[in-house]
Amino acid sequence: MRRPVLYAFVFLGVYLSYRVLSPFFVALTWAVLLAILFRGMQTALARRTGPNSAALITTLVVGFLIVGPAGGLISALAQEAPQAIESLKQASQSAPRQIQRLWDEIRKRSPVAVPEDPTELMTLGAQHALAYLAPQAGSLVAGFFGTLGTMVATLFALFFFLRDAPAMSRYVRDRLPFPAPQSERLMNDTRDLVIASIGASLAVAAAQGAIGGVAFWLLGIPAPVLWGVAIAFVSLVPVVGAALVWVPTSIWLLLSGAIGRGIALVLIGTFGISLIDNVLRPLILSGRTSVSGLVIFFGLLGGAAAFGLLGLLIGPIILVITARLLDELRRSDVAEEPAS
């Protein structure tokens, strides 16, 4: 009877541990990913300063890399936001003729009745949007402080993950149900996959934001830094990505009468901003891991649906690691057949 009782206590402990740690799932996951990314820096510093000081320095560097650029971007956006708003006001004054002409064509071909003035529909939509957003103000404030708390918990956990990385890696490796060489290979593949996936996502976002910002600047569109940051941020959204910014901007330019600039932005967006993802990501992933595009596609969509923004990173990683686990189980079964 000892074995069933032991299993019962183990399952109970796992369930209670899940209940305790589930509020910190996002923070702990980010801490693990950051610990894998900055493990090399921690190891190099530990040879000179010791594990505790190295973990503290690395954690402070990570915190600065998160807060510093965010503060700089917020400052830049605050400076360019008024310019962007003024530009939108001027464009809205020069575009009514084209919009009204297009709206008249839509009214002629529409099977249902639509208002004669398109501004009525826009005003109605704005009223519905405000009616929806007004009750959400409290949740937005709570979300901000929740994000701040998650960041603090992430940095706190990151310090211990960095300091105790060898012991934690050894603990996980010893608990894997595989021989030592296979467990080591699985952990190395997981580390390479995490580094490649996060590095590719950040590099693609930075490249698309830079190309978009330069394109907006060359085309004379105000606040190029603002639009570049927006493109870099939305590039993490699966499927549509950076098109959420440059497609509406192109349409607005065309409706405003800037046909040449609108066509130029469409060409740059199609063959520059959006195409760089298909070129840069395989170059970064090549040599580190071979991931099918189908796995990346469904990993991004399913991960975002299950875990939010964090799922964009861990969704493909979960699918690939699961496939690697199945491969290791198959190798173990094949290796046991001759022995038996």
C-alpha atoms as a PDB file:
ATOM      1  CA  MET A   1       0.000   0.000   0.000  1.00  0.00           C
ATOM      2  CA  ARG A   2       2.988   2.363   0.257  1.00  0.00           C
ATOM      3  CA  ARG A   3       3.244   3.029  -3.482  1.00  0.00           C
ATOM      4  CA  PRO A   4      -0.409   4.127  -4.041  1.00  0.00           C
ATOM      5  CA  VAL A   5      -0.270   6.323  -0.948  1.00  0.00           C
ATOM      6  CA  LEU A   6       2.962   7.895  -2.184  1.00  0.00           C
ATOM      7  CA  TYR A   7       1.384   8.572  -5.595  1.00  0.00           C
ATOM      8  CA  ALA A   8      -1.645  10.136  -3.931  1.00  0.00           C
ATOM      9  CA  PHE A   9       0.524  12.508  -1.889  1.00  0.00           C
ATOM     10  CA  VAL A  10       2.616  13.360  -4.958  1.00  0.00           C
ATOM     11  CA  PHE A  11      -0.466  14.256  -7.025  1.00  0.00           C
ATOM     12  CA  LEU A  12      -1.866  16.261  -4.115  1.00  0.00           C
ATOM     13  CA  GLY A  13       1.412  18.128  -3.761  1.00  0.00           C
ATOM     14  CA  VAL A  14       1.560  18.863  -7.488  1.00  0.00           C
ATOM     15  CA  TYR A  15      -2.022  20.161  -7.460  1.00  0.00           C
ATOM     16  CA  LEU A  16      -1.447  22.389  -4.418  1.00  0.00           C
ATOM     17  CA  SER A  17       1.831  23.655  -5.900  1.00  0.00           C
ATOM     18  CA  TYR A  18      -0.027  24.552  -9.078  1.00  0.00           C
ATOM     19  CA  ARG A  19      -2.614  26.491  -7.071  1.00  0.00           C
ATOM     20  CA  VAL A  20       0.153  28.365  -5.239  1.00  0.00           C
ATOM     21  CA  LEU A  21       2.266  29.191  -8.308  1.00  0.00           C
ATOM     22  CA  SER A  22      -0.449  29.750 -10.934  1.00  0.00           C
ATOM     23  CA  PRO A  23      -0.752  33.522 -10.208  1.00  0.00           C
ATOM     24  CA  PHE A  24       2.963  33.817 -11.006  1.00  0.00           C
ATOM     25  CA  PHE A  25       2.957  31.688 -14.157  1.00  0.00           C
ATOM     26  CA  VAL A  26       3.700  34.611 -16.497  1.00  0.00           C
ATOM     27  CA  ALA A  27       6.421  36.062 -14.249  1.00  0.00           C
ATOM     28  CA  LEU A  28       8.129  32.688 -13.754  1.00  0.00           C
ATOM     29  CA  THR A  29       7.985  31.879 -17.461  1.00  0.00           C
ATOM     30  CA  TRP A  30       9.549  35.212 -18.388  1.00  0.00           C
ATOM     31  CA  ALA A  31      12.197  34.656 -15.717  1.00  0.00           C
ATOM     32  CA  VAL A  32      13.081  31.242 -17.160  1.00  0.00           C
ATOM     33  CA  LEU A  33      13.296  32.622 -20.704  1.00  0.00           C
ATOM     34  CA  LEU A  34      15.465  35.558 -19.601  1.00  0.00           C
ATOM     35  CA  ALA A  35      17.685  33.263 -17.527  1.00  0.00           C
ATOM     36  CA  ILE A  36      18.306  31.131 -20.616  1.00  0.00           C
ATOM     37  CA  LEU A  37      19.041  34.203 -22.733  1.00  0.00           C
ATOM     38  CA  PHE A  38      21.485  35.774 -20.267  1.00  0.00           C
ATOM     39  CA  ARG A  39      23.073  32.572 -18.983  1.00  0.00           C
ATOM     40  CA  GLY A  40      26.271  33.301 -20.931  1.00  0.00           C
ATOM     41  CA  MET A  41      26.643  36.714 -19.293  1.00  0.00           C
ATOM     42  CA  GLN A  42      26.031  35.221 -15.851  1.00  0.00           C
ATOM     43  CA  THR A  43      28.671  32.537 -16.417  1.00  0.00           C
ATOM     44  CA  ALA A  44      31.281  35.034 -17.613  1.00  0.00           C
ATOM     45  CA  LEU A  45      30.698  37.339 -14.630  1.00  0.00           C
ATOM     46  CA  ALA A  46      30.638  34.463 -12.124  1.00  0.00           C
ATOM     47  CA  ARG A  47      34.287  33.634 -12.911  1.00  0.00           C
ATOM     48  CA  ARG A  48      35.315  37.102 -11.684  1.00  0.00           C
ATOM     49  CA  THR A  49      32.799  38.137  -9.040  1.00  0.00           C
ATOM     50  CA  GLY A  50      31.178  34.915  -7.832  1.00  0.00           C
ATOM     51  CA  PRO A  51      27.655  33.566  -8.481  1.00  0.00           C
ATOM     52  CA  ASN A  52      25.767  35.930  -6.169  1.00  0.00           C
ATOM     53  CA  SER A  53      27.307  39.147  -7.468  1.00  0.00           C
ATOM     54  CA  ALA A  54      27.094  37.907 -11.065  1.00  0.00           C
ATOM     55  CA  ALA A  55      23.404  37.088 -10.692  1.00  0.00           C
ATOM     56  CA  LEU A  56      22.724  40.505  -9.141  1.00  0.00           C
ATOM     57  CA  ILE A  57      24.620  42.382 -11.867  1.00  0.00           C
ATOM     58  CA  THR A  58      22.913  40.406 -14.640  1.00  0.00           C
ATOM     59  CA  THR A  59      19.487  41.003 -13.089  1.00  0.00           C
ATOM     60  CA  LEU A  60      20.151  44.741 -12.859  1.00  0.00           C
ATOM     61  CA  VAL A  61      21.297  44.784 -16.484  1.00  0.00           C
ATOM     62  CA  VAL A  62      18.111  42.991 -17.567  1.00  0.00           C
ATOM     63  CA  GLY A  63      16.016  45.443 -15.565  1.00  0.00           C
ATOM     64  CA  PHE A  64      17.800  48.369 -17.182  1.00  0.00           C
ATOM     65  CA  LEU A  65      17.321  46.852 -20.656  1.00  0.00           C
ATOM     66  CA  ILE A  66      13.596  46.605 -19.969  1.00  0.00           C
ATOM     67  CA  VAL A  67      13.007  49.952 -18.254  1.00  0.00           C
ATOM     68  CA  GLY A  68      15.613  52.089 -20.045  1.00  0.00           C
ATOM     69  CA  PRO A  69      14.453  51.636 -23.651  1.00  0.00           C
ATOM     70  CA  ALA A  70      10.825  51.804 -22.529  1.00  0.00           C
ATOM     71  CA  GLY A  71      11.466  55.195 -20.894  1.00  0.00           C
ATOM     72  CA  GLY A  72      13.316  56.460 -23.959  1.00  0.00           C
ATOM     73  CA  LEU A  73      10.553  55.320 -26.293  1.00  0.00           C
ATOM     74  CA  ILE A  74       7.863  56.870 -24.109  1.00  0.00           C
ATOM     75  CA  SER A  75       9.781  60.167 -24.145  1.00  0.00           C
ATOM     76  CA  ALA A  76      10.181  60.024 -27.944  1.00  0.00           C
ATOM     77  CA  LEU A  77       6.529  59.131 -28.421  1.00  0.00           C
ATOM     78  CA  ALA A  78       5.452  61.973 -26.126  1.00  0.00           C
ATOM     79  CA  GLN A  79       7.411  64.409 -28.288  1.00  0.00           C
ATOM     80  CA  GLU A  80       6.083  63.096 -31.600  1.00  0.00           C
ATOM     81  CA  ALA A  81       2.495  62.339 -30.594  1.00  0.00           C
ATOM     82  CA  PRO A  82       1.311  65.986 -30.898  1.00  0.00           C
ATOM     83  CA  GLN A  83       2.896  66.190 -34.340  1.00  0.00           C
ATOM     84  CA  ALA A  84       1.139  62.994 -35.424  1.00  0.00           C
ATOM     85  CA  ILE A  85      -2.206  64.249 -34.104  1.00  0.00           C
ATOM     86  CA  GLU A  86      -1.810  67.558 -35.932  1.00  0.00           C
ATOM     87  CA  SER A  87      -0.936  65.706 -39.132  1.00  0.00           C
ATOM     88  CA  LEU A  88      -4.048  63.559 -38.810  1.00  0.00           C
ATOM     89  CA  LYS A  89      -6.158  66.678 -38.337  1.00  0.00           C
ATOM     90  CA  GLN A  90      -4.742  68.267 -41.480  1.00  0.00           C
ATOM     91  CA  ALA A  91      -5.213  65.067 -43.444  1.00  0.00           C
ATOM     92  CA  SER A  92      -8.778  64.756 -42.226  1.00  0.00           C
ATOM     93  CA  GLN A  93      -9.480  68.232 -43.620  1.00  0.00           C
ATOM     94  CA  SER A  94      -8.130  67.425 -47.087  1.00  0.00           C
ATOM     95  CA  ALA A  95      -9.654  63.973 -47.449  1.00  0.00           C
ATOM     96  CA  PRO A  96     -13.440  64.522 -47.183  1.00  0.00           C
ATOM     97  CA  ARG A  97     -13.950  64.803 -50.957  1.00  0.00           C
ATOM     98  CA  GLN A  98     -12.293  61.479 -51.729  1.00  0.00           C
ATOM     99  CA  ILE A  99     -14.032  59.797 -48.805  1.00  0.00           C
ATOM    100  CA  GLN A 100     -17.423  61.211 -49.805  1.00  0.00           C
ATOM    101  CA  ARG A 101     -16.917  60.057 -53.416  1.00  0.00           C
ATOM    102  CA  LEU A 102     -15.985  56.561 -52.248  1.00  0.00           C
ATOM    103  CA  TRP A 103     -18.885  56.545 -49.802  1.00  0.00           C
ATOM    104  CA  ASP A 104     -21.336  57.453 -52.569  1.00  0.00           C
ATOM    105  CA  GLU A 105     -20.100  54.502 -54.641  1.00  0.00           C
ATOM    106  CA  ILE A 106     -20.539  52.204 -51.652  1.00  0.00           C
ATOM    107  CA  ARG A 107     -24.092  53.500 -51.088  1.00  0.00           C
ATOM    108  CA  LYS A 108     -25.015  52.803 -54.703  1.00  0.00           C
ATOM    109  CA  ARG A 109     -23.861  49.172 -54.498  1.00  0.00           C
ATOM    110  CA  SER A 110     -24.862  48.418 -50.923  1.00  0.00           C
ATOM    111  CA  PRO A 111     -27.895  46.084 -50.549  1.00  0.00           C
ATOM    112  CA  VAL A 112     -28.776  47.703 -47.199  1.00  0.00           C
ATOM    113  CA  ALA A 113     -29.473  51.295 -46.339  1.00  0.00           C
ATOM    114  CA  VAL A 114     -26.450  53.307 -45.207  1.00  0.00           C
ATOM    115  CA  PRO A 115     -26.302  56.960 -44.066  1.00  0.00           C
ATOM    116  CA  GLU A 116     -25.680  59.623 -46.677  1.00  0.00           C
ATOM    117  CA  ASP A 117     -22.938  61.232 -44.587  1.00  0.00           C
ATOM    118  CA  PRO A 118     -20.081  58.867 -43.625  1.00  0.00           C
ATOM    119  CA  THR A 119     -19.312  60.981 -40.572  1.00  0.00           C
ATOM    120  CA  GLU A 120     -22.610  59.803 -39.033  1.00  0.00           C
ATOM    121  CA  LEU A 121     -21.345  56.228 -39.077  1.00  0.00           C
ATOM    122  CA  MET A 122     -17.952  57.291 -37.728  1.00  0.00           C
ATOM    123  CA  THR A 123     -19.583  59.296 -34.945  1.00  0.00           C
ATOM    124  CA  LEU A 124     -21.806  56.355 -34.025  1.00  0.00           C
ATOM    125  CA  GLY A 125     -18.811  54.046 -33.938  1.00  0.00           C
ATOM    126  CA  ALA A 126     -16.864  56.482 -31.758  1.00  0.00           C
ATOM    127  CA  GLN A 127     -19.800  56.702 -29.349  1.00  0.00           C
ATOM    128  CA  HIS A 128     -19.990  52.910 -29.066  1.00  0.00           C
ATOM    129  CA  ALA A 129     -16.209  52.740 -28.543  1.00  0.00           C
ATOM    130  CA  LEU A 130     -16.331  55.342 -25.777  1.00  0.00           C
ATOM    131  CA  ALA A 131     -19.281  53.602 -24.157  1.00  0.00           C
ATOM    132  CA  TYR A 132     -17.259  50.389 -24.107  1.00  0.00           C
ATOM    133  CA  LEU A 133     -13.959  51.929 -22.943  1.00  0.00           C
ATOM    134  CA  ALA A 134     -15.380  54.094 -20.150  1.00  0.00           C
ATOM    135  CA  PRO A 135     -16.178  51.194 -17.783  1.00  0.00           C
ATOM    136  CA  GLN A 136     -12.780  49.641 -18.607  1.00  0.00           C
ATOM    137  CA  ALA A 137     -10.771  52.547 -17.166  1.00  0.00           C
ATOM    138  CA  GLY A 138     -10.504  50.895 -13.757  1.00  0.00           C
ATOM    139  CA  SER A 139      -9.380  47.597 -15.265  1.00  0.00           C
ATOM    140  CA  LEU A 140      -6.768  49.429 -17.344  1.00  0.00           C
ATOM    141  CA  VAL A 141      -5.275  50.984 -14.209  1.00  0.00           C
ATOM    142  CA  ALA A 142      -5.350  47.622 -12.460  1.00  0.00           C
ATOM    143  CA  GLY A 143      -3.721  46.050 -15.500  1.00  0.00           C
ATOM    144  CA  PHE A 144      -0.917  48.612 -15.398  1.00  0.00           C
ATOM    145  CA  PHE A 145      -0.126  47.883 -11.756  1.00  0.00           C
ATOM    146  CA  GLY A 146      -0.477  44.163 -12.464  1.00  0.00           C
ATOM    147  CA  THR A 147       2.103  44.467 -15.223  1.00  0.00           C
ATOM    148  CA  LEU A 148       4.400  46.378 -12.888  1.00  0.00           C
ATOM    149  CA  GLY A 149       4.023  43.660 -10.253  1.00  0.00           C
ATOM    150  CA  THR A 150       4.733  40.974 -12.841  1.00  0.00           C
ATOM    151  CA  MET A 151       7.920  42.793 -13.854  1.00  0.00           C
ATOM    152  CA  VAL A 152       9.108  42.979 -10.245  1.00  0.00           C
ATOM    153  CA  ALA A 153       8.323  39.285  -9.665  1.00  0.00           C
ATOM    154  CA  THR A 154      10.118  38.381 -12.903  1.00  0.00           C
ATOM    155  CA  LEU A 155      13.312  40.181 -11.888  1.00  0.00           C
ATOM    156  CA  PHE A 156      13.131  38.708  -8.392  1.00  0.00           C
ATOM    157  CA  ALA A 157      12.807  35.163  -9.740  1.00  0.00           C
ATOM    158  CA  LEU A 158      15.434  35.826 -12.408  1.00  0.00           C
ATOM    159  CA  PHE A 159      18.080  36.477  -9.749  1.00  0.00           C
ATOM    160  CA  PHE A 160      17.579  33.038  -8.194  1.00  0.00           C
ATOM    161  CA  PHE A 161      17.298  31.278 -11.560  1.00  0.00           C
ATOM    162  CA  LEU A 162      20.627  32.779 -12.591  1.00  0.00           C
ATOM    163  CA  ARG A 163      22.376  32.135  -9.290  1.00  0.00           C
ATOM    164  CA  ASP A 164      21.143  28.543  -8.924  1.00  0.00           C
ATOM    165  CA  ALA A 165      21.135  27.654 -12.627  1.00  0.00           C
ATOM    166  CA  PRO A 166      23.596  24.727 -12.385  1.00  0.00           C
ATOM    167  CA  ALA A 167      21.702  23.099  -9.514  1.00  0.00           C
ATOM    168  CA  MET A 168      18.328  23.640 -11.202  1.00  0.00           C
ATOM    169  CA  SER A 169      19.580  22.272 -14.528  1.00  0.00           C
ATOM    170  CA  ARG A 170      20.997  19.216 -12.792  1.00  0.00           C
ATOM    171  CA  TYR A 171      17.717  18.710 -10.904  1.00  0.00           C
ATOM    172  CA  VAL A 172      15.637  18.849 -14.103  1.00  0.00           C
ATOM    173  CA  ARG A 173      18.074  16.619 -16.003  1.00  0.00           C
ATOM    174  CA  ASP A 174      18.020  13.967 -13.265  1.00  0.00           C
ATOM    175  CA  ARG A 175      14.193  13.928 -13.251  1.00  0.00           C
ATOM    176  CA  LEU A 176      13.856  13.325 -16.997  1.00  0.00           C
ATOM    177  CA  PRO A 177      12.949   9.693 -17.778  1.00  0.00           C
ATOM    178  CA  PHE A 178      15.830   9.275 -20.258  1.00  0.00           C
ATOM    179  CA  PRO A 179      19.484   8.241 -20.113  1.00  0.00           C
ATOM    180  CA  ALA A 180      21.948  11.000 -19.270  1.00  0.00           C
ATOM    181  CA  PRO A 181      23.125  11.697 -22.869  1.00  0.00           C
ATOM    182  CA  GLN A 182      19.549  11.974 -24.180  1.00  0.00           C
ATOM    183  CA  SER A 183      18.505  14.233 -21.289  1.00  0.00           C
ATOM    184  CA  GLU A 184      21.513  16.480 -21.922  1.00  0.00           C
ATOM    185  CA  ARG A 185      20.735  16.649 -25.638  1.00  0.00           C
ATOM    186  CA  LEU A 186      17.089  17.488 -24.959  1.00  0.00           C
ATOM    187  CA  MET A 187      18.016  20.331 -22.597  1.00  0.00           C
ATOM    188  CA  ASN A 188      20.571  21.720 -25.056  1.00  0.00           C
ATOM    189  CA  ASP A 189      18.020  21.610 -27.874  1.00  0.00           C
ATOM    190  CA  THR A 190      15.480  23.397 -25.666  1.00  0.00           C
ATOM    191  CA  ARG A 191      17.994  26.120 -24.790  1.00  0.00           C
ATOM    192  CA  ASP A 192      18.935  26.624 -28.453  1.00  0.00           C
ATOM    193  CA  LEU A 193      15.256  26.749 -29.426  1.00  0.00           C
ATOM    194  CA  VAL A 194      14.436  29.373 -26.795  1.00  0.00           C
ATOM    195  CA  ILE A 195      17.384  31.567 -27.790  1.00  0.00           C
ATOM    196  CA  ALA A 196      16.644  31.216 -31.501  1.00  0.00           C
ATOM    197  CA  SER A 197      12.906  31.838 -31.142  1.00  0.00           C
ATOM    198  CA  ILE A 198      13.196  34.913 -28.928  1.00  0.00           C
ATOM    199  CA  GLY A 199      16.158  36.283 -30.855  1.00  0.00           C
ATOM    200  CA  ALA A 200      14.366  35.854 -34.173  1.00  0.00           C
ATOM    201  CA  SER A 201      11.200  37.551 -32.895  1.00  0.00           C
ATOM    202  CA  LEU A 202      13.084  40.545 -31.479  1.00  0.00           C
ATOM    203  CA  ALA A 203      15.306  40.888 -34.550  1.00  0.00           C
ATOM    204  CA  VAL A 204      12.336  40.777 -36.930  1.00  0.00           C
ATOM    205  CA  ALA A 205      10.407  43.320 -34.835  1.00  0.00           C
ATOM    206  CA  ALA A 206      13.400  45.683 -34.732  1.00  0.00           C
ATOM    207  CA  ALA A 207      14.056  45.323 -38.465  1.00  0.00           C
ATOM    208  CA  GLN A 208      10.427  45.901 -39.433  1.00  0.00           C
ATOM    209  CA  GLY A 209      10.175  48.900 -37.101  1.00  0.00           C
ATOM    210  CA  ALA A 210      13.384  50.398 -38.522  1.00  0.00           C
ATOM    211  CA  ILE A 211      12.321  49.869 -42.142  1.00  0.00           C
ATOM    212  CA  GLY A 212       8.872  51.284 -41.410  1.00  0.00           C
ATOM    213  CA  GLY A 213      10.229  54.327 -39.578  1.00  0.00           C
ATOM    214  CA  VAL A 214      12.722  55.113 -42.367  1.00  0.00           C
ATOM    215  CA  ALA A 215      10.013  54.628 -45.015  1.00  0.00           C
ATOM    216  CA  PHE A 216       7.633  56.987 -43.216  1.00  0.00           C
ATOM    217  CA  TRP A 217      10.442  59.543 -42.878  1.00  0.00           C
ATOM    218  CA  LEU A 218      11.409  59.335 -46.567  1.00  0.00           C
ATOM    219  CA  LEU A 219       7.763  59.692 -47.611  1.00  0.00           C
ATOM    220  CA  GLY A 220       7.378  62.809 -45.488  1.00  0.00           C
ATOM    221  CA  ILE A 221       4.887  61.283 -43.062  1.00  0.00           C
ATOM    222  CA  PRO A 222       5.120  63.085 -39.689  1.00  0.00           C
ATOM    223  CA  ALA A 223       6.240  61.307 -36.494  1.00  0.00           C
ATOM    224  CA  PRO A 224       8.218  58.480 -38.136  1.00  0.00           C
ATOM    225  CA  VAL A 225       9.577  57.299 -34.774  1.00  0.00           C
ATOM    226  CA  LEU A 226       6.030  56.909 -33.487  1.00  0.00           C
ATOM    227  CA  TRP A 227       5.021  54.820 -36.482  1.00  0.00           C
ATOM    228  CA  GLY A 228       8.254  52.820 -36.394  1.00  0.00           C
ATOM    229  CA  VAL A 229       7.671  51.867 -32.762  1.00  0.00           C
ATOM    230  CA  ALA A 230       4.056  50.980 -33.556  1.00  0.00           C
ATOM    231  CA  ILE A 231       5.169  48.740 -36.449  1.00  0.00           C
ATOM    232  CA  ALA A 232       7.775  47.023 -34.253  1.00  0.00           C
ATOM    233  CA  PHE A 233       5.161  46.360 -31.569  1.00  0.00           C
ATOM    234  CA  VAL A 234       2.377  45.041 -33.819  1.00  0.00           C
ATOM    235  CA  SER A 235       4.862  42.893 -35.767  1.00  0.00           C
ATOM    236  CA  LEU A 236       4.599  40.455 -32.848  1.00  0.00           C
ATOM    237  CA  VAL A 237       0.903  39.941 -33.642  1.00  0.00           C
ATOM    238  CA  PRO A 238       0.572  36.702 -35.636  1.00  0.00           C
ATOM    239  CA  VAL A 239      -0.670  36.591 -39.252  1.00  0.00           C
ATOM    240  CA  VAL A 240      -1.338  40.330 -39.777  1.00  0.00           C
ATOM    241  CA  GLY A 241       1.682  41.799 -37.988  1.00  0.00           C
ATOM    242  CA  ALA A 242       3.050  45.112 -39.280  1.00  0.00           C
ATOM    243  CA  ALA A 243       0.269  45.375 -41.868  1.00  0.00           C
ATOM    244  CA  LEU A 244      -1.961  46.687 -39.061  1.00  0.00           C
ATOM    245  CA  VAL A 245      -0.053  49.994 -39.354  1.00  0.00           C
ATOM    246  CA  TRP A 246       1.162  50.461 -42.915  1.00  0.00           C
ATOM    247  CA  VAL A 247      -2.004  49.223 -44.697  1.00  0.00           C
ATOM    248  CA  PRO A 248      -4.386  51.791 -43.087  1.00  0.00           C
ATOM    249  CA  THR A 249      -1.746  54.494 -43.579  1.00  0.00           C
ATOM    250  CA  SER A 250      -1.465  53.613 -47.280  1.00  0.00           C
ATOM    251  CA  ILE A 251      -5.238  53.722 -47.683  1.00  0.00           C
ATOM    252  CA  TRP A 252      -5.374  57.098 -45.944  1.00  0.00           C
ATOM    253  CA  LEU A 253      -2.690  58.494 -48.238  1.00  0.00           C
ATOM    254  CA  LEU A 254      -4.554  57.261 -51.320  1.00  0.00           C
ATOM    255  CA  LEU A 255      -7.834  58.743 -50.098  1.00  0.00           C
ATOM    256  CA  SER A 256      -6.104  62.027 -49.270  1.00  0.00           C
ATOM    257  CA  GLY A 257      -4.928  62.407 -52.858  1.00  0.00           C
ATOM    258  CA  ALA A 258      -1.252  61.503 -52.228  1.00  0.00           C
ATOM    259  CA  ILE A 259      -1.408  58.713 -54.810  1.00  0.00           C
ATOM    260  CA  GLY A 260       2.354  58.460 -55.355  1.00  0.00           C
ATOM    261  CA  ARG A 261       3.205  58.271 -51.667  1.00  0.00           C
ATOM    262  CA  GLY A 262       0.386  55.795 -51.057  1.00  0.00           C
ATOM    263  CA  ILE A 263       1.581  53.457 -53.817  1.00  0.00           C
ATOM    264  CA  ALA A 264       5.178  53.796 -52.617  1.00  0.00           C
ATOM    265  CA  LEU A 265       4.163  52.830 -49.065  1.00  0.00           C
ATOM    266  CA  VAL A 266       2.214  49.830 -50.399  1.00  0.00           C
ATOM    267  CA  LEU A 267       5.299  48.630 -52.282  1.00  0.00           C
ATOM    268  CA  ILE A 268       7.623  49.206 -49.325  1.00  0.00           C
ATOM    269  CA  GLY A 269       5.197  47.547 -46.936  1.00  0.00           C
ATOM    270  CA  THR A 270       4.670  44.512 -49.163  1.00  0.00           C
ATOM    271  CA  PHE A 271       8.229  43.882 -50.354  1.00  0.00           C
ATOM    272  CA  GLY A 272      10.155  45.467 -47.481  1.00  0.00           C
ATOM    273  CA  ILE A 273       8.387  45.542 -44.127  1.00  0.00           C
ATOM    274  CA  SER A 274       6.328  42.347 -44.398  1.00  0.00           C
ATOM    275  CA  LEU A 275       8.768  40.364 -46.545  1.00  0.00           C
ATOM    276  CA  ILE A 276      11.693  40.813 -44.155  1.00  0.00           C
ATOM    277  CA  ASP A 277      10.006  38.372 -41.766  1.00  0.00           C
ATOM    278  CA  ASN A 278      10.213  35.571 -44.344  1.00  0.00           C
ATOM    279  CA  VAL A 279      13.891  36.348 -45.016  1.00  0.00           C
ATOM    280  CA  LEU A 280      15.353  37.267 -41.639  1.00  0.00           C
ATOM    281  CA  ARG A 281      13.648  34.664 -39.419  1.00  0.00           C
ATOM    282  CA  PRO A 282      14.888  31.593 -41.388  1.00  0.00           C
ATOM    283  CA  LEU A 283      18.410  33.073 -41.461  1.00  0.00           C
ATOM    284  CA  ILE A 284      18.439  33.415 -37.671  1.00  0.00           C
ATOM    285  CA  LEU A 285      16.848  30.030 -37.044  1.00  0.00           C
ATOM    286  CA  SER A 286      19.096  28.185 -39.504  1.00  0.00           C
ATOM    287  CA  GLY A 287      21.914  26.325 -37.801  1.00  0.00           C
ATOM    288  CA  ARG A 288      20.217  26.405 -34.395  1.00  0.00           C
ATOM    289  CA  THR A 289      17.016  24.512 -34.991  1.00  0.00           C
ATOM    290  CA  SER A 290      14.825  23.355 -37.859  1.00  0.00           C
ATOM    291  CA  VAL A 291      11.218  24.320 -37.211  1.00  0.00           C
ATOM    292  CA  SER A 292       8.445  23.809 -39.734  1.00  0.00           C
ATOM    293  CA  GLY A 293       6.533  26.903 -40.798  1.00  0.00           C
ATOM    294  CA  LEU A 294       3.305  25.049 -40.004  1.00  0.00           C
ATOM    295  CA  VAL A 295       4.460  24.507 -36.414  1.00  0.00           C
ATOM    296  CA  ILE A 296       5.389  28.190 -36.065  1.00  0.00           C
ATOM    297  CA  PHE A 297       2.040  29.319 -37.512  1.00  0.00           C
ATOM    298  CA  PHE A 298      -0.165  27.223 -35.214  1.00  0.00           C
ATOM    299  CA  GLY A 299       2.212  27.699 -32.294  1.00  0.00           C
ATOM    300  CA  LEU A 300       1.856  31.479 -32.586  1.00  0.00           C
ATOM    301  CA  LEU A 301      -1.930  31.434 -32.953  1.00  0.00           C
ATOM    302  CA  GLY A 302      -2.584  28.765 -30.319  1.00  0.00           C
ATOM    303  CA  GLY A 303      -0.025  30.207 -27.915  1.00  0.00           C
ATOM    304  CA  ALA A 304      -1.521  33.706 -28.187  1.00  0.00           C
ATOM    305  CA  ALA A 305      -5.017  32.308 -27.598  1.00  0.00           C
ATOM    306  CA  ALA A 306      -3.892  30.280 -24.568  1.00  0.00           C
ATOM    307  CA  PHE A 307      -1.319  32.529 -22.889  1.00  0.00           C
ATOM    308  CA  GLY A 308      -1.700  35.982 -24.451  1.00  0.00           C
ATOM    309  CA  LEU A 309       1.398  37.905 -25.510  1.00  0.00           C
ATOM    310  CA  LEU A 310       3.675  35.404 -23.759  1.00  0.00           C
ATOM    311  CA  GLY A 311       2.198  32.647 -25.932  1.00  0.00           C
ATOM    312  CA  LEU A 312       3.699  34.257 -29.025  1.00  0.00           C
ATOM    313  CA  LEU A 313       7.074  33.112 -27.675  1.00  0.00           C
ATOM    314  CA  ILE A 314       6.330  29.874 -25.848  1.00  0.00           C
ATOM    315  CA  GLY A 315       3.650  28.496 -28.217  1.00  0.00           C
ATOM    316  CA  PRO A 316       6.067  27.212 -30.890  1.00  0.00           C
ATOM    317  CA  ILE A 317       8.546  26.205 -28.173  1.00  0.00           C
ATOM    318  CA  ILE A 318       5.929  24.011 -26.464  1.00  0.00           C
ATOM    319  CA  LEU A 319       5.052  22.232 -29.715  1.00  0.00           C
ATOM    320  CA  VAL A 320       8.682  21.618 -30.665  1.00  0.00           C
ATOM    321  CA  ILE A 321       9.694  20.406 -27.192  1.00  0.00           C
ATOM    322  CA  THR A 322       6.732  18.022 -27.145  1.00  0.00           C
ATOM    323  CA  ALA A 323       7.828  16.608 -30.505  1.00  0.00           C
ATOM    324  CA  ARG A 324      11.388  16.214 -29.172  1.00  0.00           C
ATOM    325  CA  LEU A 325      10.068  14.373 -26.107  1.00  0.00           C
ATOM    326  CA  LEU A 326       8.181  11.951 -28.335  1.00  0.00           C
ATOM    327  CA  ASP A 327      11.357  11.409 -30.363  1.00  0.00           C
ATOM    328  CA  GLU A 328      13.333  10.679 -27.200  1.00  0.00           C
ATOM    329  CA  LEU A 329      10.695   8.198 -26.048  1.00  0.00           C
ATOM    330  CA  ARG A 330      10.913   6.436 -29.406  1.00  0.00           C
ATOM    331  CA  ARG A 331      14.721   6.261 -29.197  1.00  0.00           C
ATOM    332  CA  SER A 332      14.471   4.843 -25.695  1.00  0.00           C
ATOM    333  CA  ASP A 333      12.001   2.164 -26.849  1.00  0.00           C
ATOM    334  CA  VAL A 334      14.213   1.233 -29.812  1.00  0.00           C
ATOM    335  CA  ALA A 335      17.281   1.036 -27.566  1.00  0.00           C
ATOM    336  CA  GLU A 336      15.493  -1.243 -25.087  1.00  0.00           C
ATOM    337  CA  GLU A 337      14.329  -3.766 -27.719  1.00  0.00           C
ATOM    338  CA  PRO A 338      17.778  -5.333 -28.421  1.00  0.00           C
ATOM    339  CA  ALA A 339      18.580  -5.347 -24.697  1.00  0.00           C
ATOM    340  CA  SER A 340      15.393  -7.197 -23.869  1.00  0.00           C
END
